[in-house]
C-alpha atoms as a PDB file:
ATOM      1  CA  MET A   1      74.835 -36.122  -4.524  1.00  0.00           C
ATOM      2  CA  THR A   2      73.666 -34.794  -1.408  1.00  0.00           C
ATOM      3  CA  GLN A   3      73.508 -31.303   0.001  1.00  0.00           C
ATOM      4  CA  TYR A   4      75.293 -30.338   3.459  1.00  0.00           C
ATOM      5  CA  MET A   5      75.557 -27.300   5.361  1.00  0.00           C
ATOM      6  CA  LEU A   6      78.839 -26.710   6.994  1.00  0.00           C
ATOM      7  CA  ALA A   7      78.146 -24.583   9.827  1.00  0.00           C
ATOM      8  CA  VAL A   8      81.145 -22.370  11.305  1.00  0.00           C
ATOM      9  CA  HIS A   9      80.697 -21.997  14.859  1.00  0.00           C
ATOM     10  CA  ASP A  10      81.758 -18.731  16.670  1.00  0.00           C
ATOM     11  CA  ASP A  11      82.010 -18.341  20.411  1.00  0.00           C
ATOM     12  CA  GLY A  12      81.805 -14.589  20.381  1.00  0.00           C
ATOM     13  CA  SER A  13      85.560 -14.116  21.339  1.00  0.00           C
ATOM     14  CA  ASP A  14      87.869 -11.992  19.107  1.00  0.00           C
ATOM     15  CA  PRO A  15      90.657 -14.647  18.521  1.00  0.00           C
ATOM     16  CA  TYR A  16      92.546 -12.903  15.816  1.00  0.00           C
ATOM     17  CA  ALA A  17      95.033 -10.036  15.890  1.00  0.00           C
ATOM     18  CA  PRO A  18      94.229  -7.528  13.096  1.00  0.00           C
ATOM     19  CA  ASP A  19      96.911  -8.763  10.860  1.00  0.00           C
ATOM     20  CA  GLU A  20      95.674 -12.325  11.372  1.00  0.00           C
ATOM     21  CA  LEU A  21      92.192 -11.683  10.180  1.00  0.00           C
ATOM     22  CA  GLN A  22      93.232 -10.787   6.717  1.00  0.00           C
ATOM     23  CA  THR A  23      95.032 -14.123   6.426  1.00  0.00           C
ATOM     24  CA  VAL A  24      91.968 -15.868   7.548  1.00  0.00           C
ATOM     25  CA  TYR A  25      89.833 -14.173   4.701  1.00  0.00           C
ATOM     26  CA  ASP A  26      92.425 -15.138   2.224  1.00  0.00           C
ATOM     27  CA  THR A  27      92.628 -18.818   3.304  1.00  0.00           C
ATOM     28  CA  VAL A  28      88.896 -19.000   3.338  1.00  0.00           C
ATOM     29  CA  ASP A  29      88.714 -17.290  -0.236  1.00  0.00           C
ATOM     30  CA  LYS A  30      91.114 -19.843  -1.515  1.00  0.00           C
ATOM     31  CA  PHE A  31      89.474 -22.604  -0.095  1.00  0.00           C
ATOM     32  CA  ASN A  32      86.031 -21.257  -1.442  1.00  0.00           C
ATOM     33  CA  GLN A  33      87.527 -21.120  -5.079  1.00  0.00           C
ATOM     34  CA  GLN A  34      88.848 -24.686  -4.694  1.00  0.00           C
ATOM     35  CA  LEU A  35      85.331 -25.816  -3.522  1.00  0.00           C
ATOM     36  CA  GLN A  36      83.894 -24.133  -6.847  1.00  0.00           C
ATOM     37  CA  ALA A  37      86.715 -25.732  -8.932  1.00  0.00           C
ATOM     38  CA  ASP A  38      85.841 -29.056  -7.505  1.00  0.00           C
ATOM     39  CA  GLY A  39      82.268 -28.777  -8.196  1.00  0.00           C
ATOM     40  CA  TYR A  40      81.017 -28.839  -4.452  1.00  0.00           C
ATOM     41  CA  TRP A  41      80.099 -25.574  -4.280  1.00  0.00           C
ATOM     42  CA  VAL A  42      76.324 -24.468  -3.863  1.00  0.00           C
ATOM     43  CA  PHE A  43      76.631 -21.114  -1.875  1.00  0.00           C
ATOM     44  CA  GLY A  44      77.938 -19.870   1.297  1.00  0.00           C
ATOM     45  CA  GLY A  45      79.040 -16.748   3.270  1.00  0.00           C
ATOM     46  CA  GLY A  46      79.899 -15.157   6.570  1.00  0.00           C
ATOM     47  CA  LEU A  47      77.511 -13.693   8.729  1.00  0.00           C
ATOM     48  CA  LYS A  48      77.520 -10.361  10.684  1.00  0.00           C
ATOM     49  CA  PRO A  49      77.980 -10.340  14.573  1.00  0.00           C
ATOM     50  CA  ILE A  50      74.931 -12.024  16.417  1.00  0.00           C
ATOM     51  CA  GLU A  51      73.962  -8.327  17.360  1.00  0.00           C
ATOM     52  CA  ALA A  52      72.701  -7.859  14.040  1.00  0.00           C
ATOM     53  CA  ALA A  53      70.155 -10.524  14.141  1.00  0.00           C
ATOM     54  CA  THR A  54      66.578  -9.876  14.275  1.00  0.00           C
ATOM     55  CA  THR A  55      64.246 -12.783  15.484  1.00  0.00           C
ATOM     56  CA  VAL A  56      60.656 -12.834  13.743  1.00  0.00           C
ATOM     57  CA  ASP A  57      57.767 -14.855  15.599  1.00  0.00           C
ATOM     58  CA  ALA A  58      54.613 -15.096  13.495  1.00  0.00           C
ATOM     59  CA  THR A  59      53.320 -18.135  15.465  1.00  0.00           C
ATOM     60  CA  GLY A  60      50.573 -16.105  17.329  1.00  0.00           C
ATOM     61  CA  ASP A  61      47.876 -13.616  16.417  1.00  0.00           C
ATOM     62  CA  ASP A  62      50.606 -10.776  16.314  1.00  0.00           C
ATOM     63  CA  VAL A  63      53.913 -10.819  14.756  1.00  0.00           C
ATOM     64  CA  ILE A  64      56.764 -10.240  17.411  1.00  0.00           C
ATOM     65  CA  THR A  65      60.013  -8.996  16.273  1.00  0.00           C
ATOM     66  CA  THR A  66      62.888  -8.802  18.829  1.00  0.00           C
ATOM     67  CA  ASP A  67      66.474  -7.558  18.434  1.00  0.00           C
ATOM     68  CA  GLY A  68      68.968 -10.321  18.814  1.00  0.00           C
ATOM     69  CA  PRO A  69      69.030 -14.038  18.337  1.00  0.00           C
ATOM     70  CA  PHE A  70      66.368 -16.706  18.994  1.00  0.00           C
ATOM     71  CA  ALA A  71      68.259 -18.080  22.254  1.00  0.00           C
ATOM     72  CA  GLU A  72      70.742 -16.844  24.163  1.00  0.00           C
ATOM     73  CA  SER A  73      74.036 -18.808  23.765  1.00  0.00           C
ATOM     74  CA  LYS A  74      77.812 -18.766  24.277  1.00  0.00           C
ATOM     75  CA  GLU A  75      78.071 -20.006  20.629  1.00  0.00           C
ATOM     76  CA  TYR A  76      76.447 -18.989  17.626  1.00  0.00           C
ATOM     77  CA  LEU A  77      76.656 -19.277  13.570  1.00  0.00           C
ATOM     78  CA  GLY A  78      79.126 -17.161  12.178  1.00  0.00           C
ATOM     79  CA  GLY A  79      79.212 -18.288   8.566  1.00  0.00           C
ATOM     80  CA  PHE A  80      78.052 -21.441   6.616  1.00  0.00           C
ATOM     81  CA  TRP A  81      78.731 -23.200   3.198  1.00  0.00           C
ATOM     82  CA  ILE A  82      76.242 -25.184   1.375  1.00  0.00           C
ATOM     83  CA  ILE A  83      77.854 -28.034  -0.533  1.00  0.00           C
ATOM     84  CA  GLU A  84      76.921 -30.915  -2.664  1.00  0.00           C
ATOM     85  CA  ALA A  85      78.971 -33.989  -1.844  1.00  0.00           C
ATOM     86  CA  PRO A  86      78.593 -37.961  -2.823  1.00  0.00           C
ATOM     87  CA  ASP A  87      78.593 -39.045   0.576  1.00  0.00           C
ATOM     88  CA  LEU A  88      78.887 -38.064   4.396  1.00  0.00           C
ATOM     89  CA  ASP A  89      82.697 -39.105   4.418  1.00  0.00           C
ATOM     90  CA  ALA A  90      83.316 -36.784   1.472  1.00  0.00           C
ATOM     91  CA  ALA A  91      81.344 -34.045   3.324  1.00  0.00           C
ATOM     92  CA  LEU A  92      83.512 -34.509   6.399  1.00  0.00           C
ATOM     93  CA  LYS A  93      86.670 -34.384   4.342  1.00  0.00           C
ATOM     94  CA  ILE A  94      85.606 -31.295   2.856  1.00  0.00           C
ATOM     95  CA  ALA A  95      84.474 -29.959   6.375  1.00  0.00           C
ATOM     96  CA  THR A  96      88.070 -30.708   7.626  1.00  0.00           C
ATOM     97  CA  GLU A  97      89.577 -28.463   4.893  1.00  0.00           C
ATOM     98  CA  ALA A  98      86.805 -25.954   6.035  1.00  0.00           C
ATOM     99  CA  SER A  99      87.870 -25.936   9.612  1.00  0.00           C
ATOM    100  CA  LYS A 100      91.586 -25.398   8.689  1.00  0.00           C
ATOM    101  CA  ALA A 101      90.655 -22.480   6.260  1.00  0.00           C
ATOM    102  CA  CYS A 102      88.363 -20.560   8.964  1.00  0.00           C
ATOM    103  CA  ARG A 103      90.350 -21.898  11.978  1.00  0.00           C
ATOM    104  CA  GLY A 104      87.155 -23.054  13.891  1.00  0.00           C
ATOM    105  CA  ALA A 105      84.953 -25.855  14.363  1.00  0.00           C
ATOM    106  CA  VAL A 106      82.550 -26.831  11.612  1.00  0.00           C
ATOM    107  CA  GLU A 107      79.265 -28.776  12.080  1.00  0.00           C
ATOM    108  CA  VAL A 108      78.198 -31.224   8.998  1.00  0.00           C
ATOM    109  CA  ARG A 109      74.498 -31.597   8.732  1.00  0.00           C
ATOM    110  CA  PRO A 110      72.921 -33.089   5.562  1.00  0.00           C
ATOM    111  CA  PHE A 111      69.680 -31.524   4.331  1.00  0.00           C
ATOM    112  CA  ASP A 112      66.584 -33.287   4.636  1.00  0.00           C
ATOM    113  CA  ALA A 113      65.706 -34.858   1.353  1.00  0.00           C
ATOM    114  CA  GLU A 114      62.506 -36.470   2.247  1.00  0.00           C
END
């Protein structure tokens, strides 16, 4: 089984009315439970808004910490799942259900096992 990251992209807009947001949370929770029941779940979670990010750069002589993301972007990572699936086709099928559950685009990337 290969591990894949299913990354939920967020464009920073607030596309849900307050009553819709709870529906999305409930749908994602149901999806998470199904992933666990089917044996694909490794772990996953939603992330705080991009304003909560801190970037740490220790590539030079000094450690530099900066409030905010590493790069300015219109989109950012809003949450993710790490799954184990037998192949890319299975991961893409799971990502399709993930996208429906969270009502957002989901990127699929295999882990580098080498």
